[in-house]
PDB file of N, CA and C in Angstrom:
ATOM      1  N   MET A   1     -38.335 -10.278  66.441  1.00  0.00           N
ATOM      2  CA  MET A   1     -37.791  -9.587  66.494  1.00  0.00           C
ATOM      3  C   MET A   1     -36.478  -9.898  66.135  1.00  0.00           C
ATOM      4  N   HIS A   2     -35.615  -8.593  65.292  1.00  0.00           N
ATOM      5  CA  HIS A   2     -34.374  -8.987  64.755  1.00  0.00           C
ATOM      6  C   HIS A   2     -32.867  -9.049  65.480  1.00  0.00           C
ATOM      7  N   GLY A   3     -33.139  -8.160  66.702  1.00  0.00           N
ATOM      8  CA  GLY A   3     -32.190  -7.892  67.490  1.00  0.00           C
ATOM      9  C   GLY A   3     -31.857  -8.738  68.514  1.00  0.00           C
ATOM     10  N   SER A   4     -32.803  -9.970  68.349  1.00  0.00           N
ATOM     11  CA  SER A   4     -32.708 -10.604  69.750  1.00  0.00           C
ATOM     12  C   SER A   4     -31.682 -11.644  70.150  1.00  0.00           C
ATOM     13  N   GLY A   5     -31.262 -11.915  69.176  1.00  0.00           N
ATOM     14  CA  GLY A   5     -29.669 -12.659  69.387  1.00  0.00           C
ATOM     15  C   GLY A   5     -30.444 -14.261  68.885  1.00  0.00           C
ATOM     16  N   ASN A   6     -31.408 -14.740  69.181  1.00  0.00           N
ATOM     17  CA  ASN A   6     -31.975 -16.004  68.762  1.00  0.00           C
ATOM     18  C   ASN A   6     -31.898 -16.237  67.447  1.00  0.00           C
ATOM     19  N   ASN A   7     -30.965 -17.431  66.937  1.00  0.00           N
ATOM     20  CA  ASN A   7     -30.689 -17.915  65.612  1.00  0.00           C
ATOM     21  C   ASN A   7     -32.414 -18.470  65.078  1.00  0.00           C
ATOM     22  N   SER A   8     -33.037 -18.896  65.965  1.00  0.00           N
ATOM     23  CA  SER A   8     -34.148 -19.960  65.223  1.00  0.00           C
ATOM     24  C   SER A   8     -33.782 -20.790  64.391  1.00  0.00           C
ATOM     25  N   GLY A   9     -32.548 -21.690  64.681  1.00  0.00           N
ATOM     26  CA  GLY A   9     -32.534 -22.964  63.699  1.00  0.00           C
ATOM     27  C   GLY A   9     -31.894 -22.435  62.372  1.00  0.00           C
ATOM     28  N   ARG A  10     -31.350 -21.404  62.481  1.00  0.00           N
ATOM     29  CA  ARG A  10     -30.187 -20.850  61.119  1.00  0.00           C
ATOM     30  C   ARG A  10     -29.607 -20.713  61.404  1.00  0.00           C
ATOM     31  N   GLY A  11     -28.509 -21.603  61.017  1.00  0.00           N
ATOM     32  CA  GLY A  11     -27.189 -21.542  60.699  1.00  0.00           C
ATOM     33  C   GLY A  11     -26.803 -22.019  62.423  1.00  0.00           C
ATOM     34  N   ALA A  12     -27.549 -22.512  63.237  1.00  0.00           N
ATOM     35  CA  ALA A  12     -27.176 -22.378  64.485  1.00  0.00           C
ATOM     36  C   ALA A  12     -26.018 -23.876  64.583  1.00  0.00           C
ATOM     37  N   SER A  13     -25.994 -24.767  63.538  1.00  0.00           N
ATOM     38  CA  SER A  13     -25.480 -25.969  63.600  1.00  0.00           C
ATOM     39  C   SER A  13     -23.923 -25.462  63.129  1.00  0.00           C
ATOM     40  N   LYS A  14     -24.022 -24.888  62.232  1.00  0.00           N
ATOM     41  CA  LYS A  14     -22.762 -24.547  61.702  1.00  0.00           C
ATOM     42  C   LYS A  14     -21.689 -23.772  62.235  1.00  0.00           C
ATOM     43  N   SER A  15     -20.290 -23.989  62.764  1.00  0.00           N
ATOM     44  CA  SER A  15     -19.442 -23.529  63.607  1.00  0.00           C
ATOM     45  C   SER A  15     -18.218 -22.936  62.384  1.00  0.00           C
ATOM     46  N   LYS A  16     -17.714 -22.042  62.616  1.00  0.00           N
ATOM     47  CA  LYS A  16     -16.685 -21.529  62.054  1.00  0.00           C
ATOM     48  C   LYS A  16     -15.420 -22.399  61.888  1.00  0.00           C
ATOM     49  N   PRO A  17     -14.871 -22.392  60.881  1.00  0.00           N
ATOM     50  CA  PRO A  17     -13.759 -23.576  61.185  1.00  0.00           C
ATOM     51  C   PRO A  17     -12.781 -22.895  62.003  1.00  0.00           C
ATOM     52  N   LYS A  18     -11.844 -23.859  62.758  1.00  0.00           N
ATOM     53  CA  LYS A  18     -10.929 -23.410  63.743  1.00  0.00           C
ATOM     54  C   LYS A  18      -9.723 -22.610  62.960  1.00  0.00           C
ATOM     55  N   LYS A  19      -9.596 -21.714  63.754  1.00  0.00           N
ATOM     56  CA  LYS A  19      -8.319 -20.919  63.004  1.00  0.00           C
ATOM     57  C   LYS A  19      -6.888 -21.333  63.667  1.00  0.00           C
ATOM     58  N   CYS A  20      -5.801 -21.691  62.728  1.00  0.00           N
ATOM     59  CA  CYS A  20      -4.786 -22.234  63.399  1.00  0.00           C
ATOM     60  C   CYS A  20      -3.853 -20.980  63.312  1.00  0.00           C
ATOM     61  N   GLY A  21      -3.407 -21.349  64.841  1.00  0.00           N
ATOM     62  CA  GLY A  21      -2.011 -20.651  65.170  1.00  0.00           C
ATOM     63  C   GLY A  21      -1.104 -20.401  64.309  1.00  0.00           C
ATOM     64  N   THR A  22      -0.165 -19.533  64.529  1.00  0.00           N
ATOM     65  CA  THR A  22       0.920 -19.274  63.120  1.00  0.00           C
ATOM     66  C   THR A  22       1.818 -20.254  63.036  1.00  0.00           C
ATOM     67  N   PHE A  23       2.176 -20.477  64.273  1.00  0.00           N
ATOM     68  CA  PHE A  23       3.096 -21.980  64.181  1.00  0.00           C
ATOM     69  C   PHE A  23       2.647 -23.459  64.597  1.00  0.00           C
ATOM     70  N   ASP A  24       1.151 -23.544  64.661  1.00  0.00           N
ATOM     71  CA  ASP A  24       0.663 -25.131  64.985  1.00  0.00           C
ATOM     72  C   ASP A  24       0.407 -25.383  63.606  1.00  0.00           C
ATOM     73  N   LEU A  25       1.641 -26.196  63.304  1.00  0.00           N
ATOM     74  CA  LEU A  25       1.848 -27.095  62.464  1.00  0.00           C
ATOM     75  C   LEU A  25       0.979 -27.968  62.159  1.00  0.00           C
ATOM     76  N   LYS A  26       0.598 -29.071  62.995  1.00  0.00           N
ATOM     77  CA  LYS A  26      -0.624 -30.015  63.128  1.00  0.00           C
ATOM     78  C   LYS A  26      -1.594 -29.648  62.541  1.00  0.00           C
ATOM     79  N   CYS A  27      -2.073 -28.482  62.753  1.00  0.00           N
ATOM     80  CA  CYS A  27      -3.362 -27.594  62.671  1.00  0.00           C
ATOM     81  C   CYS A  27      -3.157 -27.627  60.898  1.00  0.00           C
ATOM     82  N   HIS A  28      -2.497 -26.788  60.493  1.00  0.00           N
ATOM     83  CA  HIS A  28      -1.971 -26.810  59.313  1.00  0.00           C
ATOM     84  C   HIS A  28      -2.088 -27.912  58.373  1.00  0.00           C
ATOM     85  N   ALA A  29      -1.315 -28.631  58.888  1.00  0.00           N
ATOM     86  CA  ALA A  29      -1.326 -30.147  57.989  1.00  0.00           C
ATOM     87  C   ALA A  29      -2.777 -30.521  57.896  1.00  0.00           C
ATOM     88  N   LYS A  30      -3.484 -30.705  58.842  1.00  0.00           N
ATOM     89  CA  LYS A  30      -4.861 -31.433  59.055  1.00  0.00           C
ATOM     90  C   LYS A  30      -5.859 -30.690  57.982  1.00  0.00           C
ATOM     91  N   LYS A  31      -5.590 -28.949  58.064  1.00  0.00           N
ATOM     92  CA  LYS A  31      -6.487 -27.989  57.380  1.00  0.00           C
ATOM     93  C   LYS A  31      -5.838 -28.343  55.517  1.00  0.00           C
ATOM     94  N   LEU A  32      -4.612 -28.577  55.219  1.00  0.00           N
ATOM     95  CA  LEU A  32      -4.446 -28.902  53.830  1.00  0.00           C
ATOM     96  C   LEU A  32      -4.670 -30.486  53.611  1.00  0.00           C
ATOM     97  N   ALA A  33      -4.591 -31.593  54.440  1.00  0.00           N
ATOM     98  CA  ALA A  33      -5.146 -32.363  53.750  1.00  0.00           C
ATOM     99  C   ALA A  33      -6.360 -32.755  53.685  1.00  0.00           C
ATOM    100  N   HIS A  34      -7.423 -31.758  54.599  1.00  0.00           N
ATOM    101  CA  HIS A  34      -9.128 -31.945  54.586  1.00  0.00           C
ATOM    102  C   HIS A  34      -8.676 -31.346  52.969  1.00  0.00           C
ATOM    103  N   ALA A  35      -8.426 -30.152  52.875  1.00  0.00           N
ATOM    104  CA  ALA A  35      -8.780 -29.393  51.394  1.00  0.00           C
ATOM    105  C   ALA A  35      -7.863 -30.227  50.365  1.00  0.00           C
ATOM    106  N   ALA A  36      -6.910 -31.097  50.432  1.00  0.00           N
ATOM    107  CA  ALA A  36      -6.664 -31.928  49.534  1.00  0.00           C
ATOM    108  C   ALA A  36      -7.396 -32.963  49.275  1.00  0.00           C
ATOM    109  N   ASN A  37      -8.293 -33.824  50.075  1.00  0.00           N
ATOM    110  CA  ASN A  37      -9.268 -34.831  50.055  1.00  0.00           C
ATOM    111  C   ASN A  37     -10.426 -34.021  49.015  1.00  0.00           C
ATOM    112  N   THR A  38     -10.964 -33.190  49.890  1.00  0.00           N
ATOM    113  CA  THR A  38     -11.952 -32.250  49.206  1.00  0.00           C
ATOM    114  C   THR A  38     -11.854 -32.146  47.681  1.00  0.00           C
ATOM    115  N   PHE A  39     -10.470 -31.342  47.041  1.00  0.00           N
ATOM    116  CA  PHE A  39     -10.237 -31.216  46.187  1.00  0.00           C
ATOM    117  C   PHE A  39     -10.353 -32.829  45.261  1.00  0.00           C
ATOM    118  N   TYR A  40      -9.544 -33.938  45.648  1.00  0.00           N
ATOM    119  CA  TYR A  40      -9.233 -35.006  45.178  1.00  0.00           C
ATOM    120  C   TYR A  40     -10.700 -35.600  44.826  1.00  0.00           C
ATOM    121  N   GLN A  41     -11.649 -35.612  45.684  1.00  0.00           N
ATOM    122  CA  GLN A  41     -13.272 -36.125  45.956  1.00  0.00           C
ATOM    123  C   GLN A  41     -13.698 -35.436  44.701  1.00  0.00           C
ATOM    124  N   ALA A  42     -13.770 -34.106  44.550  1.00  0.00           N
ATOM    125  CA  ALA A  42     -14.204 -33.512  43.470  1.00  0.00           C
ATOM    126  C   ALA A  42     -14.101 -33.602  42.227  1.00  0.00           C
ATOM    127  N   HIS A  43     -12.514 -33.880  41.744  1.00  0.00           N
ATOM    128  CA  HIS A  43     -12.171 -34.089  40.545  1.00  0.00           C
ATOM    129  C   HIS A  43     -11.408 -35.329  40.025  1.00  0.00           C
ATOM    130  N   LYS A  44     -11.815 -36.766  40.693  1.00  0.00           N
ATOM    131  CA  LYS A  44     -11.098 -37.582  40.919  1.00  0.00           C
ATOM    132  C   LYS A  44     -11.196 -38.052  39.423  1.00  0.00           C
ATOM    133  N   ALA A  45     -11.940 -37.899  38.736  1.00  0.00           N
ATOM    134  CA  ALA A  45     -11.990 -38.566  37.210  1.00  0.00           C
ATOM    135  C   ALA A  45     -10.791 -38.066  36.318  1.00  0.00           C
ATOM    136  N   ILE A  46     -10.934 -36.352  36.560  1.00  0.00           N
ATOM    137  CA  ILE A  46      -9.875 -36.146  35.915  1.00  0.00           C
ATOM    138  C   ILE A  46      -8.472 -36.390  36.024  1.00  0.00           C
ATOM    139  N   ILE A  47      -8.274 -36.106  37.504  1.00  0.00           N
ATOM    140  CA  ILE A  47      -7.045 -36.779  38.323  1.00  0.00           C
ATOM    141  C   ILE A  47      -6.726 -37.926  37.599  1.00  0.00           C
ATOM    142  N   ALA A  48      -7.566 -39.209  37.654  1.00  0.00           N
ATOM    143  CA  ALA A  48      -7.020 -40.632  36.922  1.00  0.00           C
ATOM    144  C   ALA A  48      -6.751 -40.540  35.562  1.00  0.00           C
ATOM    145  N   THR A  49      -7.428 -39.554  34.634  1.00  0.00           N
ATOM    146  CA  THR A  49      -7.256 -39.327  33.557  1.00  0.00           C
ATOM    147  C   THR A  49      -5.927 -38.536  33.043  1.00  0.00           C
ATOM    148  N   VAL A  50      -5.626 -37.614  33.880  1.00  0.00           N
ATOM    149  CA  VAL A  50      -4.647 -37.189  33.330  1.00  0.00           C
ATOM    150  C   VAL A  50      -3.105 -38.127  34.176  1.00  0.00           C
ATOM    151  N   ALA A  51      -3.342 -38.504  35.089  1.00  0.00           N
ATOM    152  CA  ALA A  51      -2.345 -39.577  35.376  1.00  0.00           C
ATOM    153  C   ALA A  51      -2.253 -40.775  34.479  1.00  0.00           C
ATOM    154  N   ASP A  52      -3.403 -41.245  33.770  1.00  0.00           N
ATOM    155  CA  ASP A  52      -3.163 -42.146  32.957  1.00  0.00           C
ATOM    156  C   ASP A  52      -2.516 -41.743  31.883  1.00  0.00           C
ATOM    157  N   TYR A  53      -2.682 -40.568  30.977  1.00  0.00           N
ATOM    158  CA  TYR A  53      -2.182 -40.272  30.325  1.00  0.00           C
ATOM    159  C   TYR A  53      -0.490 -40.049  30.393  1.00  0.00           C
ATOM    160  N   ALA A  54      -0.094 -39.444  32.069  1.00  0.00           N
ATOM    161  CA  ALA A  54       1.229 -39.281  31.723  1.00  0.00           C
ATOM    162  C   ALA A  54       1.920 -40.624  32.275  1.00  0.00           C
ATOM    163  N   VAL A  55       1.380 -41.366  32.630  1.00  0.00           N
ATOM    164  CA  VAL A  55       2.302 -42.518  33.138  1.00  0.00           C
ATOM    165  C   VAL A  55       2.349 -43.329  31.820  1.00  0.00           C
ATOM    166  N   GLY A  56       0.808 -43.485  30.728  1.00  0.00           N
ATOM    167  CA  GLY A  56       1.245 -44.083  29.565  1.00  0.00           C
ATOM    168  C   GLY A  56       2.372 -43.507  28.379  1.00  0.00           C
ATOM    169  N   THR A  57       2.195 -42.238  28.373  1.00  0.00           N
ATOM    170  CA  THR A  57       3.435 -41.421  27.873  1.00  0.00           C
ATOM    171  C   THR A  57       4.564 -41.894  28.152  1.00  0.00           C
ATOM    172  N   LEU A  58       4.963 -41.730  29.387  1.00  0.00           N
ATOM    173  CA  LEU A  58       6.279 -41.753  30.058  1.00  0.00           C
ATOM    174  C   LEU A  58       6.685 -43.017  29.681  1.00  0.00           C
ATOM    175  N   ALA A  59       6.001 -44.133  30.024  1.00  0.00           N
ATOM    176  CA  ALA A  59       6.152 -45.891  29.740  1.00  0.00           C
ATOM    177  C   ALA A  59       6.406 -45.710  28.554  1.00  0.00           C
ATOM    178  N   PHE A  60       5.791 -45.249  27.549  1.00  0.00           N
ATOM    179  CA  PHE A  60       6.024 -45.741  25.917  1.00  0.00           C
ATOM    180  C   PHE A  60       7.520 -45.301  25.443  1.00  0.00           C
ATOM    181  N   GLY A  61       7.811 -43.735  26.109  1.00  0.00           N
ATOM    182  CA  GLY A  61       8.677 -42.965  25.593  1.00  0.00           C
ATOM    183  C   GLY A  61      10.042 -43.799  26.160  1.00  0.00           C
ATOM    184  N   LEU A  62       9.696 -44.171  27.469  1.00  0.00           N
ATOM    185  CA  LEU A  62      10.931 -44.735  27.835  1.00  0.00           C
ATOM    186  C   LEU A  62      11.470 -46.231  27.287  1.00  0.00           C
ATOM    187  N   TYR A  63      10.055 -47.061  26.907  1.00  0.00           N
ATOM    188  CA  TYR A  63      10.177 -48.247  26.458  1.00  0.00           C
ATOM    189  C   TYR A  63      10.810 -48.092  25.059  1.00  0.00           C
ATOM    190  N   GLU A  64      10.456 -47.167  24.204  1.00  0.00           N
ATOM    191  CA  GLU A  64      10.838 -47.036  22.934  1.00  0.00           C
ATOM    192  C   GLU A  64      12.182 -46.748  22.710  1.00  0.00           C
ATOM    193  N   ALA A  65      12.362 -45.519  23.641  1.00  0.00           N
ATOM    194  CA  ALA A  65      14.212 -45.285  24.114  1.00  0.00           C
ATOM    195  C   ALA A  65      15.228 -46.461  24.156  1.00  0.00           C
ATOM    196  N   ALA A  66      14.424 -47.183  25.106  1.00  0.00           N
ATOM    197  CA  ALA A  66      15.381 -48.451  25.421  1.00  0.00           C
ATOM    198  C   ALA A  66      15.191 -49.325  24.376  1.00  0.00           C
ATOM    199  N   THR A  67      14.363 -49.723  23.346  1.00  0.00           N
ATOM    200  CA  THR A  67      14.677 -50.836  22.258  1.00  0.00           C
ATOM    201  C   THR A  67      14.610 -50.143  20.786  1.00  0.00           C
ATOM    202  N   ASP A  68      15.153 -48.566  21.231  1.00  0.00           N
ATOM    203  CA  ASP A  68      15.457 -47.851  20.155  1.00  0.00           C
ATOM    204  C   ASP A  68      14.583 -47.788  18.578  1.00  0.00           C
ATOM    205  N   GLY A  69      13.363 -47.807  19.437  1.00  0.00           N
ATOM    206  CA  GLY A  69      12.102 -47.872  18.436  1.00  0.00           C
ATOM    207  C   GLY A  69      11.858 -49.394  17.570  1.00  0.00           C
ATOM    208  N   ALA A  70      12.698 -50.352  18.193  1.00  0.00           N
ATOM    209  CA  ALA A  70      12.378 -51.646  17.674  1.00  0.00           C
ATOM    210  C   ALA A  70      11.202 -52.618  18.009  1.00  0.00           C
ATOM    211  N   GLY A  71      10.653 -51.936  19.248  1.00  0.00           N
ATOM    212  CA  GLY A  71       9.066 -52.624  19.755  1.00  0.00           C
ATOM    213  C   GLY A  71       8.072 -51.612  19.676  1.00  0.00           C
ATOM    214  N   THR A  72       7.764 -50.847  18.468  1.00  0.00           N
ATOM    215  CA  THR A  72       6.880 -49.684  18.666  1.00  0.00           C
ATOM    216  C   THR A  72       5.295 -50.215  19.187  1.00  0.00           C
ATOM    217  N   ILE A  73       4.767 -51.165  18.454  1.00  0.00           N
ATOM    218  CA  ILE A  73       3.443 -51.623  19.061  1.00  0.00           C
ATOM    219  C   ILE A  73       3.746 -52.384  20.405  1.00  0.00           C
ATOM    220  N   ALA A  74       4.644 -53.157  20.880  1.00  0.00           N
ATOM    221  CA  ALA A  74       4.880 -53.532  22.352  1.00  0.00           C
ATOM    222  C   ALA A  74       4.977 -52.005  23.081  1.00  0.00           C
ATOM    223  N   CYS A  75       5.371 -51.058  22.707  1.00  0.00           N
ATOM    224  CA  CYS A  75       5.739 -49.957  23.662  1.00  0.00           C
ATOM    225  C   CYS A  75       3.874 -49.371  23.979  1.00  0.00           C
ATOM    226  N   ALA A  76       3.343 -49.175  22.556  1.00  0.00           N
ATOM    227  CA  ALA A  76       2.444 -48.410  22.808  1.00  0.00           C
ATOM    228  C   ALA A  76       1.321 -49.443  23.640  1.00  0.00           C
ATOM    229  N   ALA A  77       1.241 -50.858  23.355  1.00  0.00           N
ATOM    230  CA  ALA A  77       0.903 -52.078  24.481  1.00  0.00           C
ATOM    231  C   ALA A  77       0.967 -51.384  25.742  1.00  0.00           C
ATOM    232  N   LEU A  78       2.292 -51.677  26.217  1.00  0.00           N
ATOM    233  CA  LEU A  78       2.462 -51.564  27.640  1.00  0.00           C
ATOM    234  C   LEU A  78       2.274 -49.896  27.976  1.00  0.00           C
ATOM    235  N   GLY A  79       2.595 -48.888  27.236  1.00  0.00           N
ATOM    236  CA  GLY A  79       2.186 -47.674  27.683  1.00  0.00           C
ATOM    237  C   GLY A  79       0.641 -47.366  28.105  1.00  0.00           C
ATOM    238  N   GLY A  80      -0.479 -48.102  26.995  1.00  0.00           N
ATOM    239  CA  GLY A  80      -1.867 -48.217  27.490  1.00  0.00           C
ATOM    240  C   GLY A  80      -2.201 -49.213  28.669  1.00  0.00           C
ATOM    241  N   ALA A  81      -1.582 -50.216  28.691  1.00  0.00           N
ATOM    242  CA  ALA A  81      -1.850 -51.138  30.034  1.00  0.00           C
ATOM    243  C   ALA A  81      -1.223 -50.410  31.359  1.00  0.00           C
ATOM    244  N   LEU A  82      -0.072 -49.911  31.398  1.00  0.00           N
ATOM    245  CA  LEU A  82       0.157 -49.182  32.309  1.00  0.00           C
ATOM    246  C   LEU A  82      -0.565 -48.026  33.086  1.00  0.00           C
ATOM    247  N   GLY A  83      -0.956 -47.336  31.889  1.00  0.00           N
ATOM    248  CA  GLY A  83      -1.939 -46.375  31.981  1.00  0.00           C
ATOM    249  C   GLY A  83      -3.073 -46.415  32.550  1.00  0.00           C
ATOM    250  N   ASN A  84      -3.832 -47.335  31.743  1.00  0.00           N
ATOM    251  CA  ASN A  84      -5.034 -48.029  32.447  1.00  0.00           C
ATOM    252  C   ASN A  84      -4.948 -48.530  33.846  1.00  0.00           C
ATOM    253  N   LEU A  85      -3.723 -48.786  34.167  1.00  0.00           N
ATOM    254  CA  LEU A  85      -3.337 -49.844  35.641  1.00  0.00           C
ATOM    255  C   LEU A  85      -3.704 -48.384  36.327  1.00  0.00           C
ATOM    256  N   VAL A  86      -2.916 -47.236  36.352  1.00  0.00           N
ATOM    257  CA  VAL A  86      -2.760 -46.276  37.106  1.00  0.00           C
ATOM    258  C   VAL A  86      -4.592 -45.519  36.885  1.00  0.00           C
ATOM    259  N   ASN A  87      -5.041 -45.434  35.815  1.00  0.00           N
ATOM    260  CA  ASN A  87      -6.335 -44.622  35.907  1.00  0.00           C
ATOM    261  C   ASN A  87      -7.433 -45.581  36.834  1.00  0.00           C
ATOM    262  N   HIS A  88      -7.096 -46.645  36.781  1.00  0.00           N
ATOM    263  CA  HIS A  88      -8.516 -47.575  37.515  1.00  0.00           C
ATOM    264  C   HIS A  88      -7.724 -47.926  38.784  1.00  0.00           C
ATOM    265  N   ALA A  89      -6.591 -47.484  39.413  1.00  0.00           N
ATOM    266  CA  ALA A  89      -6.172 -47.788  40.573  1.00  0.00           C
ATOM    267  C   ALA A  89      -6.716 -46.521  41.296  1.00  0.00           C
ATOM    268  N   LEU A  90      -6.349 -45.511  40.530  1.00  0.00           N
ATOM    269  CA  LEU A  90      -7.252 -44.082  41.124  1.00  0.00           C
ATOM    270  C   LEU A  90      -8.563 -43.795  40.920  1.00  0.00           C
ATOM    271  N   ASN A  91      -9.397 -44.461  40.230  1.00  0.00           N
ATOM    272  CA  ASN A  91     -10.681 -44.279  40.172  1.00  0.00           C
ATOM    273  C   ASN A  91     -11.437 -45.475  39.865  1.00  0.00           C
ATOM    274  N   PRO A  92     -11.505 -46.477  40.698  1.00  0.00           N
ATOM    275  CA  PRO A  92     -12.027 -47.640  40.474  1.00  0.00           C
ATOM    276  C   PRO A  92     -13.705 -47.687  39.854  1.00  0.00           C
ATOM    277  N   GLN A  93     -14.262 -46.623  40.426  1.00  0.00           N
ATOM    278  CA  GLN A  93     -15.810 -46.836  39.938  1.00  0.00           C
ATOM    279  C   GLN A  93     -16.009 -46.477  38.307  1.00  0.00           C
ATOM    280  N   ALA A  94     -15.006 -46.236  37.838  1.00  0.00           N
ATOM    281  CA  ALA A  94     -14.724 -45.548  36.238  1.00  0.00           C
ATOM    282  C   ALA A  94     -15.390 -46.815  35.392  1.00  0.00           C
ATOM    283  N   GLY A  95     -15.302 -48.282  35.692  1.00  0.00           N
ATOM    284  CA  GLY A  95     -15.259 -49.344  35.096  1.00  0.00           C
ATOM    285  C   GLY A  95     -14.537 -49.199  34.011  1.00  0.00           C
ATOM    286  N   ASP A  96     -14.792 -50.115  32.464  1.00  0.00           N
ATOM    287  CA  ASP A  96     -13.861 -50.075  31.641  1.00  0.00           C
ATOM    288  C   ASP A  96     -13.761 -49.068  30.706  1.00  0.00           C
ATOM    289  N   ASP A  97     -14.354 -48.170  30.650  1.00  0.00           N
ATOM    290  CA  ASP A  97     -14.591 -47.397  29.493  1.00  0.00           C
ATOM    291  C   ASP A  97     -13.791 -45.911  30.221  1.00  0.00           C
ATOM    292  N   SER A  98     -13.051 -45.891  31.243  1.00  0.00           N
ATOM    293  CA  SER A  98     -12.719 -44.836  31.688  1.00  0.00           C
ATOM    294  C   SER A  98     -11.348 -44.212  30.835  1.00  0.00           C
ATOM    295  N   ASP A  99     -10.900 -45.000  29.909  1.00  0.00           N
ATOM    296  CA  ASP A  99      -9.668 -44.701  29.344  1.00  0.00           C
ATOM    297  C   ASP A  99     -10.317 -43.531  27.912  1.00  0.00           C
ATOM    298  N   GLY A 100     -11.373 -43.482  27.760  1.00  0.00           N
ATOM    299  CA  GLY A 100     -12.051 -42.177  27.256  1.00  0.00           C
ATOM    300  C   GLY A 100     -12.156 -42.920  25.678  1.00  0.00           C
ATOM    301  N   GLY A 101     -11.472 -44.254  25.503  1.00  0.00           N
ATOM    302  CA  GLY A 101     -11.987 -44.509  23.942  1.00  0.00           C
ATOM    303  C   GLY A 101     -10.831 -44.022  23.165  1.00  0.00           C
ATOM    304  N   ARG A 102      -9.625 -43.934  23.877  1.00  0.00           N
ATOM    305  CA  ARG A 102      -8.166 -43.880  23.235  1.00  0.00           C
ATOM    306  C   ARG A 102      -7.782 -45.004  22.634  1.00  0.00           C
ATOM    307  N   PRO A 103      -6.917 -44.627  21.395  1.00  0.00           N
ATOM    308  CA  PRO A 103      -6.560 -45.916  20.967  1.00  0.00           C
ATOM    309  C   PRO A 103      -5.697 -46.950  21.473  1.00  0.00           C
ATOM    310  N   GLY A 104      -5.030 -46.577  22.413  1.00  0.00           N
ATOM    311  CA  GLY A 104      -3.993 -47.245  23.187  1.00  0.00           C
ATOM    312  C   GLY A 104      -4.498 -48.099  24.061  1.00  0.00           C
ATOM    313  N   GLY A 105      -5.536 -47.388  24.652  1.00  0.00           N
ATOM    314  CA  GLY A 105      -6.612 -48.513  25.752  1.00  0.00           C
ATOM    315  C   GLY A 105      -7.487 -49.357  25.189  1.00  0.00           C
ATOM    316  N   VAL A 106      -8.445 -49.004  23.757  1.00  0.00           N
ATOM    317  CA  VAL A 106      -8.485 -49.984  23.321  1.00  0.00           C
ATOM    318  C   VAL A 106      -8.067 -51.232  23.291  1.00  0.00           C
ATOM    319  N   VAL A 107      -6.866 -51.192  22.527  1.00  0.00           N
ATOM    320  CA  VAL A 107      -5.933 -52.000  22.042  1.00  0.00           C
ATOM    321  C   VAL A 107      -5.558 -53.133  23.296  1.00  0.00           C
ATOM    322  N   CYS A 108      -4.863 -52.261  24.133  1.00  0.00           N
ATOM    323  CA  CYS A 108      -4.402 -53.051  25.369  1.00  0.00           C
ATOM    324  C   CYS A 108      -6.316 -53.973  26.289  1.00  0.00           C
ATOM    325  N   HIS A 109      -7.021 -53.602  25.923  1.00  0.00           N
ATOM    326  CA  HIS A 109      -8.278 -53.922  26.409  1.00  0.00           C
ATOM    327  C   HIS A 109      -8.641 -55.321  25.493  1.00  0.00           C
ATOM    328  N   GLN A 110      -8.533 -55.149  24.160  1.00  0.00           N
ATOM    329  CA  GLN A 110      -8.713 -56.247  23.306  1.00  0.00           C
ATOM    330  C   GLN A 110      -7.737 -57.048  23.002  1.00  0.00           C
ATOM    331  N   HIS A 111      -6.253 -56.808  22.824  1.00  0.00           N
ATOM    332  CA  HIS A 111      -5.501 -57.642  22.416  1.00  0.00           C
ATOM    333  C   HIS A 111      -4.198 -57.652  23.593  1.00  0.00           C
ATOM    334  N   ASP A 112      -4.504 -57.623  24.697  1.00  0.00           N
ATOM    335  CA  ASP A 112      -3.437 -57.514  25.998  1.00  0.00           C
ATOM    336  C   ASP A 112      -2.711 -58.562  26.059  1.00  0.00           C
ATOM    337  N   PRO A 113      -1.512 -58.947  25.730  1.00  0.00           N
ATOM    338  CA  PRO A 113      -0.946 -60.125  25.560  1.00  0.00           C
ATOM    339  C   PRO A 113       0.016 -60.592  27.241  1.00  0.00           C
ATOM    340  N   ILE A 114      -0.139 -59.471  28.236  1.00  0.00           N
ATOM    341  CA  ILE A 114      -0.040 -59.743  29.404  1.00  0.00           C
ATOM    342  C   ILE A 114      -0.739 -59.864  30.442  1.00  0.00           C
ATOM    343  N   GLY A 115      -2.112 -59.884  29.937  1.00  0.00           N
ATOM    344  CA  GLY A 115      -3.252 -59.836  31.077  1.00  0.00           C
ATOM    345  C   GLY A 115      -3.535 -59.205  31.826  1.00  0.00           C
ATOM    346  N   VAL A 116      -2.849 -57.321  31.803  1.00  0.00           N
ATOM    347  CA  VAL A 116      -3.095 -56.367  32.591  1.00  0.00           C
ATOM    348  C   VAL A 116      -4.476 -55.701  32.464  1.00  0.00           C
TER     349      VAL A 116
END
């Protein structure tokens, strides 16, 4: 019978998410943290790659500006090493190939003078 109110196991264990009150900041913070964690878990590889490039490019640019272009090779190695460090910190399961084969990452893995 369709209108009997008996779910017979269909969706009975699923409950609707708790609605937060307008000023219930703790509830809103928990929901936001849960949503952020869910997003991170679903997209951690791309987040790690973007952070890798951002940190590597920033480190390269700052070191290049500080040395006035005198240490370009060292700048690239430092940028690649720091970028890879961030990538592996954010996505440790990615392994050694997580740099996507970009030249800076390959140079740092093969000829890394500082052991990073």
